[in-house]
PDB file of all heavy atoms in Angstrom:
ATOM      1  N   VAL A   1       6.740  -7.110   3.238  1.00  0.00           N
ATOM      2  CA  VAL A   1       6.475  -5.929   4.002  1.00  0.00           C
ATOM      3  C   VAL A   1       6.662  -4.742   3.086  1.00  0.00           C
ATOM      4  O   VAL A   1       7.693  -4.473   2.496  1.00  0.00           O
ATOM      5  CB  VAL A   1       7.561  -5.816   5.197  1.00  0.00           C
ATOM      6  CG1 VAL A   1       7.300  -4.553   5.978  1.00  0.00           C
ATOM      7  CG2 VAL A   1       7.451  -7.078   6.062  1.00  0.00           C
ATOM      8  N   VAL A   2       5.592  -3.916   2.985  1.00  0.00           N
ATOM      9  CA  VAL A   2       5.556  -2.835   1.950  1.00  0.00           C
ATOM     10  C   VAL A   2       5.427  -1.480   2.722  1.00  0.00           C
ATOM     11  O   VAL A   2       4.448  -1.321   3.490  1.00  0.00           O
ATOM     12  CB  VAL A   2       4.317  -3.043   1.082  1.00  0.00           C
ATOM     13  CG1 VAL A   2       4.295  -1.876   0.040  1.00  0.00           C
ATOM     14  CG2 VAL A   2       4.501  -4.379   0.294  1.00  0.00           C
ATOM     15  N   ALA A   3       6.419  -0.646   2.550  1.00  0.00           N
ATOM     16  CA  ALA A   3       6.310   0.682   3.162  1.00  0.00           C
ATOM     17  C   ALA A   3       5.414   1.559   2.257  1.00  0.00           C
ATOM     18  O   ALA A   3       5.509   1.501   1.038  1.00  0.00           O
ATOM     19  CB  ALA A   3       7.682   1.281   3.159  1.00  0.00           C
ATOM     20  N   THR A   4       4.518   2.186   2.920  1.00  0.00           N
ATOM     21  CA  THR A   4       3.437   2.980   2.092  1.00  0.00           C
ATOM     22  C   THR A   4       3.727   4.375   2.532  1.00  0.00           C
ATOM     23  O   THR A   4       4.020   4.734   3.710  1.00  0.00           O
ATOM     24  CB  THR A   4       2.081   2.569   2.385  1.00  0.00           C
ATOM     25  OG1 THR A   4       1.787   2.684   3.773  1.00  0.00           O
ATOM     26  CG2 THR A   4       1.783   1.160   1.898  1.00  0.00           C
ATOM     27  N   PRO A   5       3.436   5.404   1.613  1.00  0.00           N
ATOM     28  CA  PRO A   5       3.532   6.796   1.903  1.00  0.00           C
ATOM     29  C   PRO A   5       2.569   7.258   2.909  1.00  0.00           C
ATOM     30  O   PRO A   5       1.482   6.909   2.935  1.00  0.00           O
ATOM     31  CB  PRO A   5       3.417   7.480   0.528  1.00  0.00           C
ATOM     32  CG  PRO A   5       2.599   6.523  -0.237  1.00  0.00           C
ATOM     33  CD  PRO A   5       2.922   5.139   0.260  1.00  0.00           C
ATOM     34  N   LEU A   6       3.132   8.243   3.748  1.00  0.00           N
ATOM     35  CA  LEU A   6       2.192   8.839   4.716  1.00  0.00           C
ATOM     36  C   LEU A   6       1.419   9.975   4.169  1.00  0.00           C
ATOM     37  O   LEU A   6       0.340  10.266   4.641  1.00  0.00           O
ATOM     38  CB  LEU A   6       3.047   9.320   5.953  1.00  0.00           C
ATOM     39  CG  LEU A   6       3.737   8.194   6.829  1.00  0.00           C
ATOM     40  CD1 LEU A   6       4.577   8.875   7.835  1.00  0.00           C
ATOM     41  CD2 LEU A   6       2.772   7.270   7.349  1.00  0.00           C
ATOM     42  N   GLY A   7       1.969  10.582   3.127  1.00  0.00           N
ATOM     43  CA  GLY A   7       1.308  11.775   2.594  1.00  0.00           C
ATOM     44  C   GLY A   7       0.891  11.584   1.125  1.00  0.00           C
ATOM     45  O   GLY A   7      -0.173  11.025   0.815  1.00  0.00           O
ATOM     46  N   ASN A   8       1.756  11.869   0.156  1.00  0.00           N
ATOM     47  CA  ASN A   8       1.579  11.929  -1.204  1.00  0.00           C
ATOM     48  C   ASN A   8       1.551  10.501  -1.793  1.00  0.00           C
ATOM     49  O   ASN A   8       2.550   9.790  -1.736  1.00  0.00           O
ATOM     50  CB  ASN A   8       2.575  12.756  -1.875  1.00  0.00           C
ATOM     51  CG  ASN A   8       2.301  12.992  -3.392  1.00  0.00           C
ATOM     52  OD1 ASN A   8       1.569  12.206  -3.987  1.00  0.00           O
ATOM     53  ND2 ASN A   8       2.873  13.991  -3.854  1.00  0.00           N
ATOM     54  N   ILE A   9       0.434  10.028  -2.322  1.00  0.00           N
ATOM     55  CA  ILE A   9       0.312   8.725  -2.957  1.00  0.00           C
ATOM     56  C   ILE A   9       1.431   8.553  -4.081  1.00  0.00           C
ATOM     57  O   ILE A   9       1.895   7.442  -4.363  1.00  0.00           O
ATOM     58  CB  ILE A   9      -1.130   8.403  -3.444  1.00  0.00           C
ATOM     59  CG1 ILE A   9      -1.221   6.892  -3.897  1.00  0.00           C
ATOM     60  CG2 ILE A   9      -1.457   9.274  -4.609  1.00  0.00           C
ATOM     61  CD1 ILE A   9      -1.062   5.991  -2.706  1.00  0.00           C
ATOM     62  N   GLY A  10       1.796   9.636  -4.664  1.00  0.00           N
ATOM     63  CA  GLY A  10       2.800   9.644  -5.782  1.00  0.00           C
ATOM     64  C   GLY A  10       4.178   9.144  -5.281  1.00  0.00           C
ATOM     65  O   GLY A  10       5.028   8.771  -6.002  1.00  0.00           O
ATOM     66  N   ASP A  11       4.344   9.076  -3.942  1.00  0.00           N
ATOM     67  CA  ASP A  11       5.493   8.663  -3.284  1.00  0.00           C
ATOM     68  C   ASP A  11       5.680   7.089  -3.220  1.00  0.00           C
ATOM     69  O   ASP A  11       6.672   6.521  -2.858  1.00  0.00           O
ATOM     70  CB  ASP A  11       5.781   9.245  -1.985  1.00  0.00           C
ATOM     71  CG  ASP A  11       6.060  10.676  -2.010  1.00  0.00           C
ATOM     72  OD1 ASP A  11       6.515  11.240  -3.059  1.00  0.00           O
ATOM     73  OD2 ASP A  11       5.793  11.389  -0.998  1.00  0.00           O
ATOM     74  N   LEU A  12       4.534   6.381  -3.564  1.00  0.00           N
ATOM     75  CA  LEU A  12       4.571   4.974  -3.585  1.00  0.00           C
ATOM     76  C   LEU A  12       5.484   4.471  -4.654  1.00  0.00           C
ATOM     77  O   LEU A  12       5.349   4.871  -5.838  1.00  0.00           O
ATOM     78  CB  LEU A  12       3.134   4.450  -3.765  1.00  0.00           C
ATOM     79  CG  LEU A  12       2.995   2.952  -3.595  1.00  0.00           C
ATOM     80  CD1 LEU A  12       3.208   2.497  -2.196  1.00  0.00           C
ATOM     81  CD2 LEU A  12       1.567   2.521  -4.074  1.00  0.00           C
ATOM     82  N   SER A  13       6.385   3.624  -4.350  1.00  0.00           N
ATOM     83  CA  SER A  13       7.254   3.088  -5.428  1.00  0.00           C
ATOM     84  C   SER A  13       6.574   2.114  -6.348  1.00  0.00           C
ATOM     85  O   SER A  13       5.577   1.479  -6.015  1.00  0.00           O
ATOM     86  CB  SER A  13       8.478   2.410  -4.828  1.00  0.00           C
ATOM     87  OG  SER A  13       8.166   1.148  -4.263  1.00  0.00           O
ATOM     88  N   PRO A  14       7.105   2.152  -7.577  1.00  0.00           N
ATOM     89  CA  PRO A  14       6.402   1.145  -8.511  1.00  0.00           C
ATOM     90  C   PRO A  14       6.579  -0.346  -8.052  1.00  0.00           C
ATOM     91  O   PRO A  14       5.560  -1.102  -8.211  1.00  0.00           O
ATOM     92  CB  PRO A  14       7.325   1.311  -9.863  1.00  0.00           C
ATOM     93  CG  PRO A  14       7.781   2.616  -9.789  1.00  0.00           C
ATOM     94  CD  PRO A  14       8.062   2.867  -8.252  1.00  0.00           C
ATOM     95  N   ARG A  15       7.570  -0.706  -7.377  1.00  0.00           N
ATOM     96  CA  ARG A  15       7.640  -2.116  -6.833  1.00  0.00           C
ATOM     97  C   ARG A  15       6.675  -2.271  -5.719  1.00  0.00           C
ATOM     98  O   ARG A  15       6.053  -3.380  -5.632  1.00  0.00           O
ATOM     99  CB  ARG A  15       9.085  -2.267  -6.312  1.00  0.00           C
ATOM    100  CG  ARG A  15       9.323  -3.653  -5.654  1.00  0.00           C
ATOM    101  CD  ARG A  15       9.296  -4.756  -6.786  1.00  0.00           C
ATOM    102  NE  ARG A  15       9.446  -6.094  -6.174  1.00  0.00           N
ATOM    103  CZ  ARG A  15       8.665  -7.058  -6.424  1.00  0.00           C
ATOM    104  NH1 ARG A  15       7.681  -7.054  -7.216  1.00  0.00           N
ATOM    105  NH2 ARG A  15       8.970  -8.282  -5.809  1.00  0.00           N
ATOM    106  N   ALA A  16       6.392  -1.335  -4.878  1.00  0.00           N
ATOM    107  CA  ALA A  16       5.434  -1.422  -3.798  1.00  0.00           C
ATOM    108  C   ALA A  16       4.029  -1.649  -4.454  1.00  0.00           C
ATOM    109  O   ALA A  16       3.300  -2.473  -4.078  1.00  0.00           O
ATOM    110  CB  ALA A  16       5.422  -0.266  -2.828  1.00  0.00           C
ATOM    111  N   ARG A  17       3.772  -0.816  -5.447  1.00  0.00           N
ATOM    112  CA  ARG A  17       2.498  -0.991  -6.170  1.00  0.00           C
ATOM    113  C   ARG A  17       2.310  -2.417  -6.724  1.00  0.00           C
ATOM    114  O   ARG A  17       1.278  -3.015  -6.610  1.00  0.00           O
ATOM    115  CB  ARG A  17       2.357   0.026  -7.217  1.00  0.00           C
ATOM    116  CG  ARG A  17       0.985   0.106  -7.869  1.00  0.00           C
ATOM    117  CD  ARG A  17       0.924   1.062  -9.039  1.00  0.00           C
ATOM    118  NE  ARG A  17      -0.457   1.223  -9.537  1.00  0.00           N
ATOM    119  CZ  ARG A  17      -1.045   0.198 -10.263  1.00  0.00           C
ATOM    120  NH1 ARG A  17      -0.471  -0.912 -10.448  1.00  0.00           N
ATOM    121  NH2 ARG A  17      -2.302   0.398 -10.750  1.00  0.00           N
ATOM    122  N   GLU A  18       3.380  -2.905  -7.358  1.00  0.00           N
ATOM    123  CA  GLU A  18       3.424  -4.274  -7.958  1.00  0.00           C
ATOM    124  C   GLU A  18       3.089  -5.284  -6.892  1.00  0.00           C
ATOM    125  O   GLU A  18       2.231  -6.194  -7.146  1.00  0.00           O
ATOM    126  CB  GLU A  18       4.728  -4.471  -8.591  1.00  0.00           C
ATOM    127  CG  GLU A  18       4.870  -5.791  -9.314  1.00  0.00           C
ATOM    128  CD  GLU A  18       6.151  -6.121  -9.888  1.00  0.00           C
ATOM    129  OE1 GLU A  18       6.739  -5.108 -10.479  1.00  0.00           O
ATOM    130  OE2 GLU A  18       6.678  -7.087  -9.699  1.00  0.00           O
ATOM    131  N   VAL A  19       3.702  -5.223  -5.798  1.00  0.00           N
ATOM    132  CA  VAL A  19       3.481  -6.158  -4.694  1.00  0.00           C
ATOM    133  C   VAL A  19       2.056  -6.083  -4.171  1.00  0.00           C
ATOM    134  O   VAL A  19       1.384  -7.099  -4.019  1.00  0.00           O
ATOM    135  CB  VAL A  19       4.493  -5.925  -3.496  1.00  0.00           C
ATOM    136  CG1 VAL A  19       4.068  -6.755  -2.287  1.00  0.00           C
ATOM    137  CG2 VAL A  19       5.906  -6.314  -3.980  1.00  0.00           C
ATOM    138  N   LEU A  20       1.566  -4.862  -4.057  1.00  0.00           N
ATOM    139  CA  LEU A  20       0.189  -4.673  -3.544  1.00  0.00           C
ATOM    140  C   LEU A  20      -0.816  -5.228  -4.587  1.00  0.00           C
ATOM    141  O   LEU A  20      -1.832  -5.884  -4.195  1.00  0.00           O
ATOM    142  CB  LEU A  20      -0.084  -3.253  -3.234  1.00  0.00           C
ATOM    143  CG  LEU A  20       0.632  -2.587  -2.126  1.00  0.00           C
ATOM    144  CD1 LEU A  20       0.331  -1.072  -2.024  1.00  0.00           C
ATOM    145  CD2 LEU A  20       0.147  -3.302  -0.810  1.00  0.00           C
ATOM    146  N   ALA A  21      -0.523  -5.121  -5.803  1.00  0.00           N
ATOM    147  CA  ALA A  21      -1.433  -5.617  -6.902  1.00  0.00           C
ATOM    148  C   ALA A  21      -1.433  -7.046  -6.861  1.00  0.00           C
ATOM    149  O   ALA A  21      -2.503  -7.638  -7.280  1.00  0.00           O
ATOM    150  CB  ALA A  21      -0.927  -5.087  -8.323  1.00  0.00           C
ATOM    151  N   GLU A  22      -0.433  -7.807  -6.459  1.00  0.00           N
ATOM    152  CA  GLU A  22      -0.367  -9.260  -6.376  1.00  0.00           C
ATOM    153  C   GLU A  22      -0.811  -9.839  -5.057  1.00  0.00           C
ATOM    154  O   GLU A  22      -0.930 -11.072  -4.921  1.00  0.00           O
ATOM    155  CB  GLU A  22       1.023  -9.742  -6.816  1.00  0.00           C
ATOM    156  CG  GLU A  22       1.413  -9.327  -8.181  1.00  0.00           C
ATOM    157  CD  GLU A  22       2.840  -9.698  -8.507  1.00  0.00           C
ATOM    158  OE1 GLU A  22       3.498 -10.403  -7.657  1.00  0.00           O
ATOM    159  OE2 GLU A  22       3.320  -9.301  -9.565  1.00  0.00           O
ATOM    160  N   ALA A  23      -1.071  -8.988  -4.090  1.00  0.00           N
ATOM    161  CA  ALA A  23      -1.319  -9.469  -2.709  1.00  0.00           C
ATOM    162  C   ALA A  23      -2.653 -10.299  -2.696  1.00  0.00           C
ATOM    163  O   ALA A  23      -3.693  -9.840  -3.255  1.00  0.00           O
ATOM    164  CB  ALA A  23      -1.398  -8.328  -1.769  1.00  0.00           C
ATOM    165  N   GLU A  24      -2.655 -11.365  -2.010  1.00  0.00           N
ATOM    166  CA  GLU A  24      -3.878 -12.171  -1.841  1.00  0.00           C
ATOM    167  C   GLU A  24      -4.585 -11.766  -0.590  1.00  0.00           C
ATOM    168  O   GLU A  24      -5.797 -11.958  -0.354  1.00  0.00           O
ATOM    169  CB  GLU A  24      -3.606 -13.632  -1.740  1.00  0.00           C
ATOM    170  CG  GLU A  24      -3.012 -14.176  -2.968  1.00  0.00           C
ATOM    171  CD  GLU A  24      -2.618 -15.668  -2.916  1.00  0.00           C
ATOM    172  OE1 GLU A  24      -2.915 -16.310  -1.862  1.00  0.00           O
ATOM    173  OE2 GLU A  24      -1.887 -16.158  -3.806  1.00  0.00           O
ATOM    174  N   ARG A  25      -3.870 -11.134   0.420  1.00  0.00           N
ATOM    175  CA  ARG A  25      -4.358 -10.668   1.688  1.00  0.00           C
ATOM    176  C   ARG A  25      -3.506  -9.618   2.230  1.00  0.00           C
ATOM    177  O   ARG A  25      -2.204  -9.710   2.047  1.00  0.00           O
ATOM    178  CB  ARG A  25      -4.482 -11.863   2.643  1.00  0.00           C
ATOM    179  CG  ARG A  25      -5.051 -11.526   4.014  1.00  0.00           C
ATOM    180  CD  ARG A  25      -5.288 -12.770   4.853  1.00  0.00           C
ATOM    181  NE  ARG A  25      -6.053 -13.754   4.250  1.00  0.00           N
ATOM    182  CZ  ARG A  25      -7.433 -13.773   4.179  1.00  0.00           C
ATOM    183  NH1 ARG A  25      -7.999 -12.756   4.799  1.00  0.00           N
ATOM    184  NH2 ARG A  25      -8.067 -14.681   3.576  1.00  0.00           N
ATOM    185  N   VAL A  26      -4.017  -8.559   2.892  1.00  0.00           N
ATOM    186  CA  VAL A  26      -3.118  -7.544   3.446  1.00  0.00           C
ATOM    187  C   VAL A  26      -3.465  -7.403   4.986  1.00  0.00           C
ATOM    188  O   VAL A  26      -4.609  -7.256   5.326  1.00  0.00           O
ATOM    189  CB  VAL A  26      -3.378  -6.254   2.680  1.00  0.00           C
ATOM    190  CG1 VAL A  26      -2.671  -5.120   3.394  1.00  0.00           C
ATOM    191  CG2 VAL A  26      -2.908  -6.412   1.268  1.00  0.00           C
ATOM    192  N   LEU A  27      -2.471  -7.416   5.746  1.00  0.00           N
ATOM    193  CA  LEU A  27      -2.534  -7.097   7.164  1.00  0.00           C
ATOM    194  C   LEU A  27      -2.057  -5.627   7.225  1.00  0.00           C
ATOM    195  O   LEU A  27      -1.069  -5.223   6.672  1.00  0.00           O
ATOM    196  CB  LEU A  27      -1.599  -7.984   8.027  1.00  0.00           C
ATOM    197  CG  LEU A  27      -1.849  -9.479   7.997  1.00  0.00           C
ATOM    198  CD1 LEU A  27      -0.775 -10.228   8.747  1.00  0.00           C
ATOM    199  CD2 LEU A  27      -3.214  -9.829   8.364  1.00  0.00           C
ATOM    200  N   CYS A  28      -2.874  -4.835   7.902  1.00  0.00           N
ATOM    201  CA  CYS A  28      -2.553  -3.372   7.969  1.00  0.00           C
ATOM    202  C   CYS A  28      -3.049  -2.809   9.267  1.00  0.00           C
ATOM    203  O   CYS A  28      -3.706  -3.398   9.981  1.00  0.00           O
ATOM    204  CB  CYS A  28      -3.216  -2.702   6.795  1.00  0.00           C
ATOM    205  SG  CYS A  28      -4.992  -2.995   6.707  1.00  0.00           S
ATOM    206  N   GLU A  29      -2.515  -1.588   9.551  1.00  0.00           N
ATOM    207  CA  GLU A  29      -2.936  -0.897  10.836  1.00  0.00           C
ATOM    208  C   GLU A  29      -4.279  -0.312  10.715  1.00  0.00           C
ATOM    209  O   GLU A  29      -5.085  -0.284  11.677  1.00  0.00           O
ATOM    210  CB  GLU A  29      -1.981   0.265  11.030  1.00  0.00           C
ATOM    211  CG  GLU A  29      -0.594  -0.195  11.518  1.00  0.00           C
ATOM    212  CD  GLU A  29       0.285   0.956  11.875  1.00  0.00           C
ATOM    213  OE1 GLU A  29       0.270   1.404  13.009  1.00  0.00           O
ATOM    214  OE2 GLU A  29       0.984   1.476  10.941  1.00  0.00           O
ATOM    215  N   ASP A  30      -4.720   0.210   9.479  1.00  0.00           N
ATOM    216  CA  ASP A  30      -5.973   0.879   9.316  1.00  0.00           C
ATOM    217  C   ASP A  30      -6.600   0.396   8.009  1.00  0.00           C
ATOM    218  O   ASP A  30      -6.084   0.773   6.967  1.00  0.00           O
ATOM    219  CB  ASP A  30      -5.796   2.380   9.245  1.00  0.00           C
ATOM    220  CG  ASP A  30      -7.004   3.230   9.277  1.00  0.00           C
ATOM    221  OD1 ASP A  30      -8.074   2.657   8.662  1.00  0.00           O
ATOM    222  OD2 ASP A  30      -7.057   4.323   9.796  1.00  0.00           O
ATOM    223  N   THR A  31      -7.615  -0.394   8.010  1.00  0.00           N
ATOM    224  CA  THR A  31      -8.222  -0.990   6.843  1.00  0.00           C
ATOM    225  C   THR A  31      -8.837   0.115   5.971  1.00  0.00           C
ATOM    226  O   THR A  31      -8.768   0.110   4.734  1.00  0.00           O
ATOM    227  CB  THR A  31      -9.292  -1.987   7.219  1.00  0.00           C
ATOM    228  OG1 THR A  31     -10.244  -1.451   7.911  1.00  0.00           O
ATOM    229  CG2 THR A  31      -8.664  -3.260   7.777  1.00  0.00           C
ATOM    230  N   ARG A  32      -9.324   1.186   6.582  1.00  0.00           N
ATOM    231  CA  ARG A  32      -9.924   2.242   5.777  1.00  0.00           C
ATOM    232  C   ARG A  32      -8.913   2.945   4.950  1.00  0.00           C
ATOM    233  O   ARG A  32      -9.091   3.207   3.754  1.00  0.00           O
ATOM    234  CB  ARG A  32     -10.769   3.321   6.691  1.00  0.00           C
ATOM    235  CG  ARG A  32     -11.905   2.668   7.251  1.00  0.00           C
ATOM    236  CD  ARG A  32     -12.466   3.551   8.447  1.00  0.00           C
ATOM    237  NE  ARG A  32     -11.356   3.687   9.413  1.00  0.00           N
ATOM    238  CZ  ARG A  32     -11.443   4.439  10.444  1.00  0.00           C
ATOM    239  NH1 ARG A  32     -12.463   5.160  10.722  1.00  0.00           N
ATOM    240  NH2 ARG A  32     -10.469   4.436  11.350  1.00  0.00           N
ATOM    241  N   ARG A  33      -7.826   3.332   5.589  1.00  0.00           N
ATOM    242  CA  ARG A  33      -6.707   4.002   4.852  1.00  0.00           C
ATOM    243  C   ARG A  33      -6.110   3.146   3.779  1.00  0.00           C
ATOM    244  O   ARG A  33      -5.766   3.551   2.726  1.00  0.00           O
ATOM    245  CB  ARG A  33      -5.652   4.504   5.871  1.00  0.00           C
ATOM    246  CG  ARG A  33      -6.064   5.501   6.879  1.00  0.00           C
ATOM    247  CD  ARG A  33      -6.129   6.849   6.275  1.00  0.00           C
ATOM    248  NE  ARG A  33      -4.830   7.380   5.951  1.00  0.00           N
ATOM    249  CZ  ARG A  33      -4.539   8.294   5.145  1.00  0.00           C
ATOM    250  NH1 ARG A  33      -5.502   8.929   4.538  1.00  0.00           N
ATOM    251  NH2 ARG A  33      -3.387   8.701   4.826  1.00  0.00           N
ATOM    252  N   THR A  34      -5.948   1.900   4.102  1.00  0.00           N
ATOM    253  CA  THR A  34      -5.422   0.916   3.168  1.00  0.00           C
ATOM    254  C   THR A  34      -6.326   0.750   2.001  1.00  0.00           C
ATOM    255  O   THR A  34      -5.894   0.642   0.825  1.00  0.00           O
ATOM    256  CB  THR A  34      -5.040  -0.481   3.853  1.00  0.00           C
ATOM    257  OG1 THR A  34      -4.194  -0.224   4.894  1.00  0.00           O
ATOM    258  CG2 THR A  34      -4.450  -1.414   2.839  1.00  0.00           C
ATOM    259  N   ARG A  35      -7.606   0.648   2.164  1.00  0.00           N
ATOM    260  CA  ARG A  35      -8.583   0.597   1.070  1.00  0.00           C
ATOM    261  C   ARG A  35      -8.459   1.819   0.155  1.00  0.00           C
ATOM    262  O   ARG A  35      -8.538   1.710  -1.033  1.00  0.00           O
ATOM    263  CB  ARG A  35     -10.001   0.483   1.651  1.00  0.00           C
ATOM    264  CG  ARG A  35     -10.968   0.001   0.642  1.00  0.00           C
ATOM    265  CD  ARG A  35     -12.381  -0.417   1.199  1.00  0.00           C
ATOM    266  NE  ARG A  35     -12.322  -1.218   2.471  1.00  0.00           N
ATOM    267  CZ  ARG A  35     -12.111  -2.584   2.403  1.00  0.00           C
ATOM    268  NH1 ARG A  35     -11.800  -3.171   1.374  1.00  0.00           N
ATOM    269  NH2 ARG A  35     -12.141  -3.175   3.596  1.00  0.00           N
ATOM    270  N   GLU A  36      -8.262   3.029   0.760  1.00  0.00           N
ATOM    271  CA  GLU A  36      -8.097   4.197   0.061  1.00  0.00           C
ATOM    272  C   GLU A  36      -6.822   4.172  -0.743  1.00  0.00           C
ATOM    273  O   GLU A  36      -6.760   4.666  -1.902  1.00  0.00           O
ATOM    274  CB  GLU A  36      -7.991   5.405   0.965  1.00  0.00           C
ATOM    275  CG  GLU A  36      -9.336   5.768   1.662  1.00  0.00           C
ATOM    276  CD  GLU A  36      -9.241   6.901   2.750  1.00  0.00           C
ATOM    277  OE1 GLU A  36      -8.159   7.446   2.923  1.00  0.00           O
ATOM    278  OE2 GLU A  36     -10.234   7.122   3.422  1.00  0.00           O
ATOM    279  N   LEU A  37      -5.816   3.627  -0.239  1.00  0.00           N
ATOM    280  CA  LEU A  37      -4.464   3.413  -1.032  1.00  0.00           C
ATOM    281  C   LEU A  37      -4.757   2.570  -2.197  1.00  0.00           C
ATOM    282  O   LEU A  37      -4.252   2.956  -3.259  1.00  0.00           O
ATOM    283  CB  LEU A  37      -3.427   2.780   0.025  1.00  0.00           C
ATOM    284  CG  LEU A  37      -2.106   2.465  -0.696  1.00  0.00           C
ATOM    285  CD1 LEU A  37      -1.390   3.700  -1.181  1.00  0.00           C
ATOM    286  CD2 LEU A  37      -1.253   1.602   0.279  1.00  0.00           C
TER     287      LEU A  37
END
């Protein structure tokens, strides 16, 4: 479970970025916003 920033992408933690980089599949509320992330 990865908390993502609501505003500034710079607020994404390095660990969250690492987990996202290794993800094989992502369940999300909004695929468009997640693709932008």
